[in-house]
C-alpha atoms as a PDB file:
ATOM      1  CA  MET A   1      56.093-220.609 107.954  1.00  0.00           C
ATOM      2  CA  SER A   2      54.809-222.938 105.244  1.00  0.00           C
ATOM      3  CA  GLU A   3      51.967-225.326 105.926  1.00  0.00           C
ATOM      4  CA  THR A   4      52.721-228.646 104.195  1.00  0.00           C
ATOM      5  CA  HIS A   5      49.941-231.112 103.396  1.00  0.00           C
ATOM      6  CA  THR A   6      49.087-234.003 101.085  1.00  0.00           C
ATOM      7  CA  PHE A   7      46.104-234.500  98.807  1.00  0.00           C
ATOM      8  CA  THR A   8      45.163-237.765  97.097  1.00  0.00           C
ATOM      9  CA  ARG A   9      43.760-238.012  93.603  1.00  0.00           C
ATOM     10  CA  ASP A  10      43.237-241.322  91.744  1.00  0.00           C
ATOM     11  CA  HIS A  11      45.504-243.133  94.224  1.00  0.00           C
ATOM     12  CA  VAL A  12      48.261-240.544  93.703  1.00  0.00           C
ATOM     13  CA  SER A  13      49.281-238.486  96.739  1.00  0.00           C
ATOM     14  CA  LEU A  14      50.434-234.934  95.996  1.00  0.00           C
ATOM     15  CA  ARG A  15      52.447-232.891  98.476  1.00  0.00           C
ATOM     16  CA  TYR A  16      51.777-229.164  98.618  1.00  0.00           C
ATOM     17  CA  ALA A  17      52.729-226.154 100.734  1.00  0.00           C
ATOM     18  CA  ILE A  18      50.879-222.914 101.432  1.00  0.00           C
ATOM     19  CA  ASP A  19      52.378-219.566 102.440  1.00  0.00           C
ATOM     20  CA  GLY A  20      50.861-216.129 102.938  1.00  0.00           C
ATOM     21  CA  HIS A  21      47.651-215.036 104.598  1.00  0.00           C
ATOM     22  CA  ASP A  22      43.987-215.840 104.167  1.00  0.00           C
ATOM     23  CA  GLY A  23      42.114-213.609 101.771  1.00  0.00           C
ATOM     24  CA  ALA A  24      45.088-212.724  99.575  1.00  0.00           C
ATOM     25  CA  PRO A  25      44.953-213.575  95.853  1.00  0.00           C
ATOM     26  CA  TRP A  26      46.336-217.006  94.987  1.00  0.00           C
ATOM     27  CA  ILE A  27      49.527-217.643  93.037  1.00  0.00           C
ATOM     28  CA  VAL A  28      50.406-221.240  92.129  1.00  0.00           C
ATOM     29  CA  PHE A  29      53.920-222.491  91.339  1.00  0.00           C
ATOM     30  CA  SER A  30      54.508-225.662  89.298  1.00  0.00           C
ATOM     31  CA  ASN A  31      57.948-227.307  89.296  1.00  0.00           C
ATOM     32  CA  SER A  32      60.235-228.524  86.531  1.00  0.00           C
ATOM     33  CA  ILE A  33      61.246-232.136  86.054  1.00  0.00           C
ATOM     34  CA  CYS A  34      63.604-233.448  88.754  1.00  0.00           C
ATOM     35  CA  THR A  35      62.810-230.616  91.190  1.00  0.00           C
ATOM     36  CA  ASP A  36      60.270-230.153  93.957  1.00  0.00           C
ATOM     37  CA  LEU A  37      58.299-227.414  95.664  1.00  0.00           C
ATOM     38  CA  THR A  38      61.335-226.217  97.635  1.00  0.00           C
ATOM     39  CA  LEU A  39      62.643-224.821  94.342  1.00  0.00           C
ATOM     40  CA  TRP A  40      60.230-221.906  94.832  1.00  0.00           C
ATOM     41  CA  GLY A  41      61.100-221.158  98.467  1.00  0.00           C
ATOM     42  CA  GLY A  42      62.662-217.798  97.636  1.00  0.00           C
ATOM     43  CA  GLN A  43      59.660-216.728  95.597  1.00  0.00           C
ATOM     44  CA  ALA A  44      57.231-217.878  98.301  1.00  0.00           C
ATOM     45  CA  ALA A  45      59.037-215.750 100.880  1.00  0.00           C
ATOM     46  CA  PHE A  46      59.182-212.802  98.488  1.00  0.00           C
ATOM     47  CA  LEU A  47      55.471-212.888  97.635  1.00  0.00           C
ATOM     48  CA  ALA A  48      53.880-214.103 100.870  1.00  0.00           C
ATOM     49  CA  ALA A  49      53.076-210.572 102.092  1.00  0.00           C
ATOM     50  CA  ASP A  50      50.802-209.945  99.106  1.00  0.00           C
ATOM     51  CA  PHE A  51      49.710-213.394  97.897  1.00  0.00           C
ATOM     52  CA  ARG A  52      48.494-216.747  99.122  1.00  0.00           C
ATOM     53  CA  VAL A  53      51.265-218.896  97.655  1.00  0.00           C
ATOM     54  CA  LEU A  54      50.615-222.521  96.662  1.00  0.00           C
ATOM     55  CA  ARG A  55      53.529-224.747  95.730  1.00  0.00           C
ATOM     56  CA  TYR A  56      53.172-228.444  94.982  1.00  0.00           C
ATOM     57  CA  ASP A  57      55.206-231.441  93.833  1.00  0.00           C
ATOM     58  CA  GLN A  58      54.184-232.782  90.450  1.00  0.00           C
ATOM     59  CA  ARG A  59      53.589-236.525  90.589  1.00  0.00           C
ATOM     60  CA  GLY A  60      56.788-238.582  90.807  1.00  0.00           C
ATOM     61  CA  HIS A  61      58.672-235.730  92.465  1.00  0.00           C
ATOM     62  CA  GLY A  62      59.447-234.589  96.000  1.00  0.00           C
ATOM     63  CA  GLY A  63      56.845-235.853  98.438  1.00  0.00           C
ATOM     64  CA  SER A  64      54.336-236.920  95.775  1.00  0.00           C
ATOM     65  CA  THR A  65      53.644-240.506  94.703  1.00  0.00           C
ATOM     66  CA  VAL A  66      55.793-242.127  92.020  1.00  0.00           C
ATOM     67  CA  PRO A  67      53.367-243.273  89.301  1.00  0.00           C
ATOM     68  CA  SER A  68      53.446-246.863  88.085  1.00  0.00           C
ATOM     69  CA  ALA A  69      53.095-245.908  84.410  1.00  0.00           C
ATOM     70  CA  PRO A  70      54.230-243.089  82.099  1.00  0.00           C
ATOM     71  CA  CYS A  71      52.520-239.742  82.699  1.00  0.00           C
ATOM     72  CA  THR A  72      50.637-237.507  80.325  1.00  0.00           C
ATOM     73  CA  PHE A  73      49.998-233.793  80.650  1.00  0.00           C
ATOM     74  CA  GLU A  74      46.321-234.604  80.879  1.00  0.00           C
ATOM     75  CA  GLN A  75      47.217-236.253  84.198  1.00  0.00           C
ATOM     76  CA  LEU A  76      49.698-233.581  85.299  1.00  0.00           C
ATOM     77  CA  GLY A  77      47.342-230.747  84.413  1.00  0.00           C
ATOM     78  CA  GLY A  78      44.472-232.675  85.937  1.00  0.00           C
ATOM     79  CA  ASP A  79      46.432-232.956  89.176  1.00  0.00           C
ATOM     80  CA  VAL A  80      46.703-229.202  89.606  1.00  0.00           C
ATOM     81  CA  SER A  81      43.054-228.735  88.618  1.00  0.00           C
ATOM     82  CA  ALA A  82      42.006-231.260  91.263  1.00  0.00           C
ATOM     83  CA  LEU A  83      44.259-229.584  93.825  1.00  0.00           C
ATOM     84  CA  LEU A  84      42.634-226.223  93.098  1.00  0.00           C
ATOM     85  CA  ASP A  85      39.229-227.866  93.560  1.00  0.00           C
ATOM     86  CA  HIS A  86      40.374-229.404  96.842  1.00  0.00           C
ATOM     87  CA  LEU A  87      41.475-226.005  98.167  1.00  0.00           C
ATOM     88  CA  GLY A  88      38.480-224.115  96.810  1.00  0.00           C
ATOM     89  CA  ILE A  89      40.615-221.926  94.544  1.00  0.00           C
ATOM     90  CA  THR A  90      38.427-220.511  91.801  1.00  0.00           C
ATOM     91  CA  ARG A  91      40.995-218.120  90.284  1.00  0.00           C
ATOM     92  CA  CYS A  92      44.774-217.789  90.476  1.00  0.00           C
ATOM     93  CA  THR A  93      47.964-216.650  88.839  1.00  0.00           C
ATOM     94  CA  PHE A  94      49.784-219.724  87.516  1.00  0.00           C
ATOM     95  CA  VAL A  95      53.589-219.917  87.324  1.00  0.00           C
ATOM     96  CA  GLY A  96      55.116-222.894  85.527  1.00  0.00           C
ATOM     97  CA  LEU A  97      58.779-223.720  84.980  1.00  0.00           C
ATOM     98  CA  SER A  98      59.900-226.086  82.204  1.00  0.00           C
ATOM     99  CA  MET A  99      57.596-229.100  82.687  1.00  0.00           C
ATOM    100  CA  GLY A 100      55.270-226.679  84.481  1.00  0.00           C
ATOM    101  CA  VAL A 101      54.712-224.778  81.210  1.00  0.00           C
ATOM    102  CA  PRO A 102      52.769-227.535  79.373  1.00  0.00           C
ATOM    103  CA  THR A 103      51.115-228.371  82.711  1.00  0.00           C
ATOM    104  CA  GLY A 104      49.783-224.810  82.825  1.00  0.00           C
ATOM    105  CA  LEU A 105      48.875-224.718  79.146  1.00  0.00           C
ATOM    106  CA  TYR A 106      46.805-227.880  79.543  1.00  0.00           C
ATOM    107  CA  LEU A 107      45.060-226.378  82.568  1.00  0.00           C
ATOM    108  CA  TYR A 108      44.344-223.148  80.668  1.00  0.00           C
ATOM    109  CA  SER A 109      43.038-225.076  77.653  1.00  0.00           C
ATOM    110  CA  ARG A 110      40.463-226.834  79.841  1.00  0.00           C
ATOM    111  CA  GLN A 111      39.655-224.208  82.480  1.00  0.00           C
ATOM    112  CA  PRO A 112      40.682-220.746  81.266  1.00  0.00           C
ATOM    113  CA  GLN A 113      38.290-219.121  83.738  1.00  0.00           C
ATOM    114  CA  ARG A 114      40.538-220.257  86.617  1.00  0.00           C
ATOM    115  CA  ILE A 115      43.603-218.384  85.385  1.00  0.00           C
ATOM    116  CA  GLU A 116      43.840-214.610  85.800  1.00  0.00           C
ATOM    117  CA  ARG A 117      47.526-214.385  84.792  1.00  0.00           C
ATOM    118  CA  LEU A 118      50.077-216.787  83.313  1.00  0.00           C
ATOM    119  CA  ILE A 119      53.830-216.777  83.948  1.00  0.00           C
ATOM    120  CA  LEU A 120      55.690-219.306  81.792  1.00  0.00           C
ATOM    121  CA  CYS A 121      59.387-219.883  82.495  1.00  0.00           C
ATOM    122  CA  ASP A 122      61.964-221.708  80.363  1.00  0.00           C
ATOM    123  CA  GLY A 123      59.496-224.092  78.797  1.00  0.00           C
ATOM    124  CA  GLN A 124      57.920-224.914  75.467  1.00  0.00           C
ATOM    125  CA  ALA A 125      54.410-225.296  74.115  1.00  0.00           C
ATOM    126  CA  ALA A 126      55.249-228.533  72.298  1.00  0.00           C
ATOM    127  CA  THR A 127      57.949-231.180  72.157  1.00  0.00           C
ATOM    128  CA  ALA A 128      60.766-229.823  70.006  1.00  0.00           C
ATOM    129  CA  PRO A 129      61.841-231.669  66.840  1.00  0.00           C
ATOM    130  CA  GLY A 130      64.238-234.356  68.028  1.00  0.00           C
ATOM    131  CA  GLY A 131      63.100-233.826  71.610  1.00  0.00           C
ATOM    132  CA  ALA A 132      61.753-237.346  72.048  1.00  0.00           C
ATOM    133  CA  ALA A 133      65.138-238.830  71.183  1.00  0.00           C
ATOM    134  CA  GLY A 134      66.898-236.422  73.517  1.00  0.00           C
ATOM    135  CA  TRP A 135      64.674-237.458  76.415  1.00  0.00           C
ATOM    136  CA  GLU A 136      65.269-241.121  75.561  1.00  0.00           C
ATOM    137  CA  GLU A 137      69.018-240.533  75.892  1.00  0.00           C
ATOM    138  CA  ARG A 138      68.557-238.845  79.271  1.00  0.00           C
ATOM    139  CA  ILE A 139      66.318-241.644  80.521  1.00  0.00           C
ATOM    140  CA  GLU A 140      68.877-244.261  79.520  1.00  0.00           C
ATOM    141  CA  MET A 141      71.725-242.294  81.113  1.00  0.00           C
ATOM    142  CA  ALA A 142      69.840-242.008  84.395  1.00  0.00           C
ATOM    143  CA  ARG A 143      68.905-245.695  84.292  1.00  0.00           C
ATOM    144  CA  ARG A 144      72.485-246.742  83.551  1.00  0.00           C
ATOM    145  CA  ASP A 145      74.486-244.347  85.732  1.00  0.00           C
ATOM    146  CA  GLY A 146      72.040-243.500  88.507  1.00  0.00           C
ATOM    147  CA  MET A 147      70.343-240.271  89.497  1.00  0.00           C
ATOM    148  CA  GLU A 148      73.387-238.827  91.285  1.00  0.00           C
ATOM    149  CA  ALA A 149      75.497-238.968  88.111  1.00  0.00           C
ATOM    150  CA  PHE A 150      72.521-237.667  86.160  1.00  0.00           C
ATOM    151  CA  ALA A 151      72.248-234.766  88.618  1.00  0.00           C
ATOM    152  CA  ASN A 152      75.881-233.786  88.064  1.00  0.00           C
ATOM    153  CA  ALA A 153      75.415-233.815  84.298  1.00  0.00           C
ATOM    154  CA  THR A 154      72.156-231.889  84.481  1.00  0.00           C
ATOM    155  CA  VAL A 155      73.345-229.022  86.688  1.00  0.00           C
ATOM    156  CA  SER A 156      76.270-228.535  84.299  1.00  0.00           C
ATOM    157  CA  ARG A 157      73.659-227.866  81.576  1.00  0.00           C
ATOM    158  CA  TRP A 158      71.293-225.818  83.721  1.00  0.00           C
ATOM    159  CA  PHE A 159      73.897-223.564  85.399  1.00  0.00           C
ATOM    160  CA  SER A 160      77.148-221.866  84.416  1.00  0.00           C
ATOM    161  CA  ALA A 161      80.461-223.315  85.581  1.00  0.00           C
ATOM    162  CA  ASN A 162      80.859-220.411  88.023  1.00  0.00           C
ATOM    163  CA  GLN A 163      77.401-220.986  89.484  1.00  0.00           C
ATOM    164  CA  VAL A 164      78.177-224.665  89.984  1.00  0.00           C
ATOM    165  CA  LYS A 165      81.485-223.746  91.603  1.00  0.00           C
ATOM    166  CA  ASP A 166      80.020-221.131  93.959  1.00  0.00           C
ATOM    167  CA  GLY A 167      77.378-223.548  95.222  1.00  0.00           C
ATOM    168  CA  ARG A 168      74.323-221.932  93.656  1.00  0.00           C
ATOM    169  CA  ALA A 169      73.412-225.205  91.980  1.00  0.00           C
ATOM    170  CA  ASP A 170      73.835-227.373  95.087  1.00  0.00           C
ATOM    171  CA  GLY A 171      70.172-227.357  96.105  1.00  0.00           C
ATOM    172  CA  VAL A 172      69.008-228.252  92.609  1.00  0.00           C
ATOM    173  CA  ARG A 173      71.674-230.959  92.342  1.00  0.00           C
ATOM    174  CA  LYS A 174      70.293-232.532  95.527  1.00  0.00           C
ATOM    175  CA  MET A 175      66.714-232.346  94.230  1.00  0.00           C
ATOM    176  CA  ILE A 176      67.701-234.139  91.016  1.00  0.00           C
ATOM    177  CA  ALA A 177      69.807-236.766  92.791  1.00  0.00           C
ATOM    178  CA  THR A 178      66.966-237.605  95.205  1.00  0.00           C
ATOM    179  CA  THR A 179      64.241-237.730  92.539  1.00  0.00           C
ATOM    180  CA  PRO A 180      63.217-241.385  92.157  1.00  0.00           C
ATOM    181  CA  PHE A 181      64.225-242.714  88.757  1.00  0.00           C
ATOM    182  CA  GLY A 182      60.652-243.916  88.245  1.00  0.00           C
ATOM    183  CA  GLY A 183      59.303-240.423  88.848  1.00  0.00           C
ATOM    184  CA  PHE A 184      61.796-238.895  86.435  1.00  0.00           C
ATOM    185  CA  GLU A 185      61.086-241.457  83.742  1.00  0.00           C
ATOM    186  CA  ALA A 186      57.302-241.193  84.087  1.00  0.00           C
ATOM    187  CA  CYS A 187      57.347-237.423  83.548  1.00  0.00           C
ATOM    188  CA  ALA A 188      60.067-237.540  80.888  1.00  0.00           C
ATOM    189  CA  ARG A 189      57.705-239.762  78.887  1.00  0.00           C
ATOM    190  CA  ALA A 190      55.124-236.952  78.994  1.00  0.00           C
ATOM    191  CA  LEU A 191      57.759-234.501  77.734  1.00  0.00           C
ATOM    192  CA  GLN A 192      58.534-236.770  74.792  1.00  0.00           C
ATOM    193  CA  ASN A 193      55.182-236.162  73.161  1.00  0.00           C
ATOM    194  CA  TYR A 194      53.034-233.135  73.883  1.00  0.00           C
ATOM    195  CA  ALA A 195      51.555-230.380  71.710  1.00  0.00           C
ATOM    196  CA  TYR A 196      49.841-227.259  73.070  1.00  0.00           C
ATOM    197  CA  ALA A 197      50.987-224.652  70.559  1.00  0.00           C
ATOM    198  CA  ASP A 198      47.365-224.265  69.489  1.00  0.00           C
ATOM    199  CA  VAL A 199      46.531-223.000  72.975  1.00  0.00           C
ATOM    200  CA  LEU A 200      48.794-219.945  72.689  1.00  0.00           C
ATOM    201  CA  PRO A 201      46.610-217.825  70.329  1.00  0.00           C
ATOM    202  CA  ARG A 202      43.611-218.539  72.577  1.00  0.00           C
ATOM    203  CA  ILE A 203      45.218-217.040  75.692  1.00  0.00           C
ATOM    204  CA  THR A 204      43.455-213.814  76.653  1.00  0.00           C
ATOM    205  CA  VAL A 205      44.888-213.199  80.145  1.00  0.00           C
ATOM    206  CA  PRO A 206      48.014-211.133  80.883  1.00  0.00           C
ATOM    207  CA  THR A 207      51.005-213.384  80.200  1.00  0.00           C
ATOM    208  CA  LEU A 208      54.676-213.078  81.077  1.00  0.00           C
ATOM    209  CA  LEU A 209      57.352-215.331  79.632  1.00  0.00           C
ATOM    210  CA  ILE A 210      60.725-215.560  81.376  1.00  0.00           C
ATOM    211  CA  ALA A 211      63.820-217.218  79.927  1.00  0.00           C
ATOM    212  CA  GLY A 212      67.379-217.544  81.129  1.00  0.00           C
ATOM    213  CA  LYS A 213      69.535-215.896  78.441  1.00  0.00           C
ATOM    214  CA  ASP A 214      71.985-218.797  78.608  1.00  0.00           C
ATOM    215  CA  ASP A 215      69.383-221.558  78.319  1.00  0.00           C
ATOM    216  CA  GLY A 216      70.334-222.661  74.799  1.00  0.00           C
ATOM    217  CA  LYS A 217      67.638-221.856  72.246  1.00  0.00           C
ATOM    218  CA  MET A 218      64.996-221.272  74.905  1.00  0.00           C
ATOM    219  CA  PRO A 219      64.990-217.448  74.561  1.00  0.00           C
ATOM    220  CA  GLU A 220      64.279-217.813  70.832  1.00  0.00           C
ATOM    221  CA  THR A 221      61.614-220.442  71.450  1.00  0.00           C
ATOM    222  CA  MET A 222      59.914-218.292  74.048  1.00  0.00           C
ATOM    223  CA  ALA A 223      60.096-215.235  71.795  1.00  0.00           C
ATOM    224  CA  ARG A 224      58.041-217.170  69.254  1.00  0.00           C
ATOM    225  CA  MET A 225      55.609-218.131  72.005  1.00  0.00           C
ATOM    226  CA  ARG A 226      55.329-214.479  73.050  1.00  0.00           C
ATOM    227  CA  ASP A 227      54.497-213.507  69.478  1.00  0.00           C
ATOM    228  CA  ALA A 228      51.705-216.081  69.421  1.00  0.00           C
ATOM    229  CA  ILE A 229      50.055-214.733  72.600  1.00  0.00           C
ATOM    230  CA  SER A 230      48.271-211.404  72.302  1.00  0.00           C
ATOM    231  CA  GLY A 231      49.930-208.758  74.486  1.00  0.00           C
ATOM    232  CA  ALA A 232      52.422-211.143  76.084  1.00  0.00           C
ATOM    233  CA  GLN A 233      55.725-209.902  77.512  1.00  0.00           C
ATOM    234  CA  LEU A 234      59.122-211.639  77.497  1.00  0.00           C
ATOM    235  CA  VAL A 235      61.914-211.030  79.994  1.00  0.00           C
ATOM    236  CA  ALA A 236      65.343-212.601  79.438  1.00  0.00           C
ATOM    237  CA  ILE A 237      67.406-213.003  82.606  1.00  0.00           C
ATOM    238  CA  ALA A 238      71.131-212.390  82.082  1.00  0.00           C
ATOM    239  CA  ASP A 239      73.684-214.892  83.428  1.00  0.00           C
ATOM    240  CA  ALA A 240      70.989-217.511  83.947  1.00  0.00           C
ATOM    241  CA  GLY A 241      70.276-220.873  82.372  1.00  0.00           C
ATOM    242  CA  HIS A 242      67.313-223.202  82.822  1.00  0.00           C
ATOM    243  CA  ILE A 243      66.510-222.259  86.442  1.00  0.00           C
ATOM    244  CA  PRO A 244      66.699-218.444  86.538  1.00  0.00           C
ATOM    245  CA  GLY A 245      64.885-218.238  89.875  1.00  0.00           C
ATOM    246  CA  ILE A 246      67.883-219.949  91.492  1.00  0.00           C
ATOM    247  CA  ALA A 247      70.667-218.635  89.261  1.00  0.00           C
ATOM    248  CA  GLN A 248      69.542-214.988  89.532  1.00  0.00           C
ATOM    249  CA  PRO A 249      66.796-214.804  92.169  1.00  0.00           C
ATOM    250  CA  GLU A 250      66.787-211.017  92.552  1.00  0.00           C
ATOM    251  CA  ALA A 251      66.371-210.411  88.809  1.00  0.00           C
ATOM    252  CA  PHE A 252      63.763-213.156  88.589  1.00  0.00           C
ATOM    253  CA  ASN A 253      61.787-211.758  91.531  1.00  0.00           C
ATOM    254  CA  ARG A 254      61.937-208.251  90.056  1.00  0.00           C
ATOM    255  CA  ALA A 255      60.435-209.585  86.839  1.00  0.00           C
ATOM    256  CA  LEU A 256      57.643-211.264  88.816  1.00  0.00           C
ATOM    257  CA  GLN A 257      56.959-208.173  90.897  1.00  0.00           C
ATOM    258  CA  SER A 258      56.892-205.825  87.911  1.00  0.00           C
ATOM    259  CA  PHE A 259      54.381-208.029  86.122  1.00  0.00           C
ATOM    260  CA  LEU A 260      52.205-208.764  89.142  1.00  0.00           C
ATOM    261  CA  THR A 261      51.892-205.117  90.178  1.00  0.00           C
END
């Protein structure tokens, strides 16, 4: 059973959960925007026999504090660095999804010695051309229509119609709908303007990139990222969009296991 705790950094409280047994190697999971640490529950259960699994809520999400000002990835990456310090974790495998990708790239850029492997899922190394305007539209939609309406629109982009119909998206829909607007906006501001493409050629640890095949241009984007990282691998998950670990958990977990072993 997970142990859930909170840790405070610069007046921001971060919720985190730990699974697995003492002495096992650490693996850290970082969530996407509008989700929380429960997103990784299936992976925590799958890996707990072999790893000490750390999941946490990025600021503004889940049980973590909603910031009073827009976030930066210096803050978001600094949060996970401080959490690792708090727990005495000197080295770990880092798994980031979407917003968790630039979070991890910032952490690697500052403390590469802490990362023994990187797993980057459905995320980018820099804000895409036109991305700032796209996030502005989403912020205004959520402000105008509320987070529940925003959740319905978002799961229709992140999952196939069949996956929405069969209930696979229900948990993610609830996470989005219950994300405070202020937390969403604060982190969306970070996603409007970040640039870590220069970090990719400097990565020297084993790296796996995972993309849902149906996540728009993400497979192409991540293929370019793979080419920029020496020795990196890319796995595309069929019949999956932006959250492959929920859309196709068995295929996603197989990809993790193959890489980790």
